[in-house]
Every structure is written in structure tokens, then in C-alpha cells.
């Protein structure tokens, strides 16, 4: 997991994401140390699927994140729009339910009051590109852009139990 890829537009991050979902935090999380790095595992419940297997709606999945790259903690707000990749590696026993945010933090937008989006890394000198077009906008703006981007990409949906 690294910031080697900087996504310049929503089409690019959509193409590189196996799953694009709206989620709510369940309140279940844990921290651990592995490979000289502090990690967070956050459980979320999928409330809407924009890209990926529709059967995942209402499913609970685990999001693996580098603790230091989530400066705000993103725990103050319960709802998020996430662009995700399936995690494959040594830190999870059940890889079917493990995901990472595409671009480490680039694919994580908070959904706030009145469904207004916020991109927190902009406040902490994080990488910003297409997110500036979504920051402060209604969720419906992002949904429309995602619909267009998904319609222009050819991908195979990720089904629980299959690999990316």
C-alpha cells in the first residue's frame, strides 16, 4: 500500500477501484502493529453500491488503513463514499471481506450533513485532484460523475469469494 499512484480524475480512480460504495461506520475497529507500521481495521456497513457486486449492500466489510495516513481519524462522521480495492496480503485471515481505500486516502470522502461531501486530506496537505471538484458538493454530484465513469469502464464485478 503506497501513494505511488496519484489519481488525476474520477474516471481514473473509478477504473482502478473494484468497489465504489457508500458506507456507515459500525463503531467496530481495532489497531495493530505490523511491519513497522501502525494499522487500523475499521468495520463498515455498505448502504449503497455504485460499482461492484450489488449483493454487497448491507454487508459488513473491513477497511485496512495506515493509521498515520488518516490524520483526522474520519471517525467524527459516520458516513463515507469509498473507492476500494480488495486487500490481498498477510494481515487478514478473511481476505473476502478486506479492502483498502484506492490511493490510500484519495478514495475516501466524508458524507456530512445534508449529504455534503468533504475531502479531509485537503486540510492536511494531502494530495488533491478531482476531489476539489467534489469537496463541498452534494453527494448527488459525485453519484452522477461515478455513473458516467462506470459506464465508460469495462470491468468484471468483484463477487465475494472471487479475486481481483
Protein backbone atom coordinates (compact mmCIF):
# COMPACT_ATOMS: atom_id res chain seq x y z
CA UNK A 1 0.00 0.00 0.00
CA UNK A 2 1.64 3.22 -1.15
CA UNK A 3 0.94 6.59 -2.68
CA UNK A 4 2.73 5.69 -5.89
CA UNK A 5 -0.43 6.39 -7.89
CA UNK A 6 -1.96 9.83 -7.81
CA UNK A 7 -5.40 9.75 -9.39
CA UNK A 8 -5.95 12.82 -11.54
CA UNK A 9 -9.67 12.36 -12.23
CA UNK A 10 -12.72 10.43 -11.14
CA UNK A 11 -12.60 8.24 -14.26
CA UNK A 12 -9.11 7.00 -13.38
CA UNK A 13 -9.87 6.19 -9.73
CA UNK A 14 -13.15 4.54 -10.80
CA UNK A 15 -11.29 2.30 -13.26
CA UNK A 16 -8.81 1.26 -10.55
CA UNK A 17 -11.47 0.60 -7.90
CA UNK A 18 -13.13 -2.81 -7.62
CA UNK A 19 -15.86 -1.40 -5.40
CA UNK A 20 -17.37 2.08 -5.00
CA UNK A 21 -19.77 2.28 -2.10
CA UNK A 22 -21.49 4.47 0.42
CA UNK A 23 -20.90 3.15 3.92
CA UNK A 24 -21.68 3.77 7.55
CA UNK A 25 -19.17 3.06 10.28
CA UNK A 26 -20.36 0.31 12.61
CA UNK A 27 -18.25 1.51 15.52
CA UNK A 28 -16.12 -1.64 15.46
CA UNK A 29 -12.44 -1.06 14.84
CA UNK A 30 -9.08 -2.28 16.01
CA UNK A 31 -5.49 -1.16 15.82
CA UNK A 32 -2.41 -3.29 15.39
CA UNK A 33 1.25 -3.02 14.58
CA UNK A 34 2.72 -4.89 11.61
CA UNK A 35 5.85 -4.34 9.51
CA UNK A 36 6.99 -1.26 11.47
CA UNK A 37 3.64 0.44 10.82
CA UNK A 38 0.54 1.18 12.88
CA UNK A 39 -2.65 0.00 11.15
CA UNK A 40 -6.37 0.49 11.67
CA UNK A 41 -9.03 -2.01 10.69
CA UNK A 42 -12.42 -0.34 10.52
CA UNK A 43 -15.67 -2.22 10.03
CA UNK A 44 -18.24 -0.54 7.79
CA UNK A 45 -21.69 -1.48 6.55
CA UNK A 46 -22.38 -0.88 2.88
CA UNK A 47 -25.52 1.21 2.34
CA UNK A 48 -25.26 1.72 -1.44
CA UNK A 49 -23.18 0.13 -4.21
CA UNK A 50 -22.14 2.40 -7.11
CA UNK A 51 -19.70 -0.07 -8.66
CA UNK A 52 -19.28 -3.74 -7.82
CA UNK A 53 -21.50 -6.58 -6.70
CA UNK A 54 -24.97 -5.26 -5.73
CA UNK A 55 -25.36 -8.19 -3.34
CA UNK A 56 -22.88 -6.49 -1.02
CA UNK A 57 -25.50 -3.92 0.01
CA UNK A 58 -25.98 -4.26 3.79
CA UNK A 59 -22.82 -6.38 4.04
CA UNK A 60 -20.18 -5.55 6.62
CA UNK A 61 -16.63 -5.33 5.33
CA UNK A 62 -13.26 -4.48 6.85
CA UNK A 63 -11.22 -1.49 5.67
CA UNK A 64 -7.48 -1.66 6.29
CA UNK A 65 -5.71 1.68 6.57
CA UNK A 66 -2.33 3.06 7.60
CA UNK A 67 -3.03 4.90 10.86
CA UNK A 68 -0.69 7.83 10.11
CA UNK A 69 -2.35 8.50 6.74
CA UNK A 70 -5.73 9.05 8.31
CA UNK A 71 -4.93 12.26 10.22
CA UNK A 72 -8.47 13.28 11.09
CA UNK A 73 -9.38 9.75 12.03
CA UNK A 74 -12.56 10.20 9.97
CA UNK A 75 -14.47 8.92 12.98
CA UNK A 76 -16.42 12.11 13.66
CA UNK A 77 -18.65 11.48 10.66
CA UNK A 78 -20.40 8.16 10.32
CA UNK A 79 -20.99 8.10 6.53
CA UNK A 80 -18.42 7.90 3.72
CA UNK A 81 -18.17 7.49 -0.04
CA UNK A 82 -15.33 4.99 -0.61
CA UNK A 83 -13.43 3.89 -3.69
CA UNK A 84 -11.99 0.49 -2.73
CA UNK A 85 -9.61 -2.22 -3.85
CA UNK A 86 -9.63 -5.74 -2.47
CA UNK A 87 -6.83 -6.32 0.04
CA UNK A 88 -4.58 -9.28 -0.55
CA UNK A 89 -1.78 -9.88 1.89
CA UNK A 90 -0.60 -11.33 5.17
CA UNK A 91 -2.53 -9.16 7.62
CA UNK A 92 -6.02 -10.63 7.14
CA UNK A 93 -7.37 -14.12 7.61
CA UNK A 94 -10.61 -13.46 5.69
CA UNK A 95 -9.49 -11.69 2.52
CA UNK A 96 -13.03 -11.83 1.08
CA UNK A 97 -14.09 -9.08 3.47
CA UNK A 98 -10.92 -6.96 3.45
CA UNK A 99 -10.46 -3.81 1.36
CA UNK A 100 -8.15 -0.82 1.16
CA UNK A 101 -9.05 2.68 0.04
CA UNK A 102 -7.90 3.24 -3.54
CA UNK A 103 -4.95 5.65 -3.46
CA UNK A 104 -4.52 5.08 0.31
CA UNK A 105 -6.74 8.05 1.24
CA UNK A 106 -7.58 9.57 -2.16
CA UNK A 107 -10.77 7.49 -2.46
CA UNK A 108 -12.31 8.47 0.88
CA UNK A 109 -14.84 11.30 1.06
CA UNK A 110 -16.95 12.00 4.12
CA UNK A 111 -20.70 12.41 3.66
CA UNK A 112 -21.83 15.10 6.05
CA UNK A 113 -24.97 16.93 6.99
CA UNK A 114 -27.40 17.27 4.07
CA UNK A 115 -25.25 14.78 2.11
CA UNK A 116 -22.47 17.32 1.52
CA UNK A 117 -19.07 15.77 0.69
CA UNK A 118 -15.83 16.65 2.45
CA UNK A 119 -12.33 15.59 1.43
CA UNK A 120 -10.31 15.76 4.67
CA UNK A 121 -6.78 15.26 3.24
CA UNK A 122 -7.04 18.70 1.65
CA UNK A 123 -6.86 20.13 5.17
CA UNK A 124 -3.66 18.20 5.94
CA UNK A 125 -1.67 18.91 2.75
CA UNK A 126 -2.73 15.58 1.25
CA UNK A 127 -2.89 15.02 -2.50
CA UNK A 128 -5.86 16.74 -4.12
CA UNK A 129 -7.01 16.49 -7.73
CA UNK A 130 -10.56 15.53 -8.74
CA UNK A 131 -11.58 15.70 -5.07
CA UNK A 132 -11.54 19.51 -5.21
CA UNK A 133 -14.46 19.29 -7.66
CA UNK A 134 -16.42 17.22 -5.12
CA UNK A 135 -15.40 18.85 -1.82
CA UNK A 136 -18.37 20.85 -0.52
CA UNK A 137 -20.70 19.45 -3.20
CA UNK A 138 -23.85 17.37 -2.68
CA UNK A 139 -23.39 13.60 -2.86
CA UNK A 140 -25.63 13.60 -5.95
CA UNK A 141 -22.87 15.39 -7.92
CA UNK A 142 -20.42 12.57 -7.15
CA UNK A 143 -23.06 9.92 -7.90
CA UNK A 144 -23.62 11.37 -11.37
CA UNK A 145 -19.87 11.56 -12.09
CA UNK A 146 -19.43 7.97 -10.87
CA UNK A 147 -22.33 6.75 -13.06
CA UNK A 148 -20.69 8.31 -16.12
CA UNK A 149 -17.24 6.95 -15.20
CA UNK A 150 -18.59 3.43 -14.54
CA UNK A 151 -20.47 3.44 -17.85
CA UNK A 152 -17.20 4.21 -19.62
CA UNK A 153 -15.17 1.44 -17.94
CA UNK A 154 -15.20 -2.23 -18.77
CA UNK A 155 -14.69 -4.26 -15.62
CA UNK A 156 -15.77 -7.50 -14.06
CA UNK A 157 -17.70 -7.03 -10.81
CA UNK A 158 -15.97 -8.33 -7.73
CA UNK A 159 -18.08 -11.02 -6.11
CA UNK A 160 -17.43 -12.09 -2.54
CA UNK A 161 -15.12 -15.08 -2.70
CA UNK A 162 -13.51 -14.14 -6.01
CA UNK A 163 -10.22 -12.39 -6.51
CA UNK A 164 -9.48 -9.09 -8.22
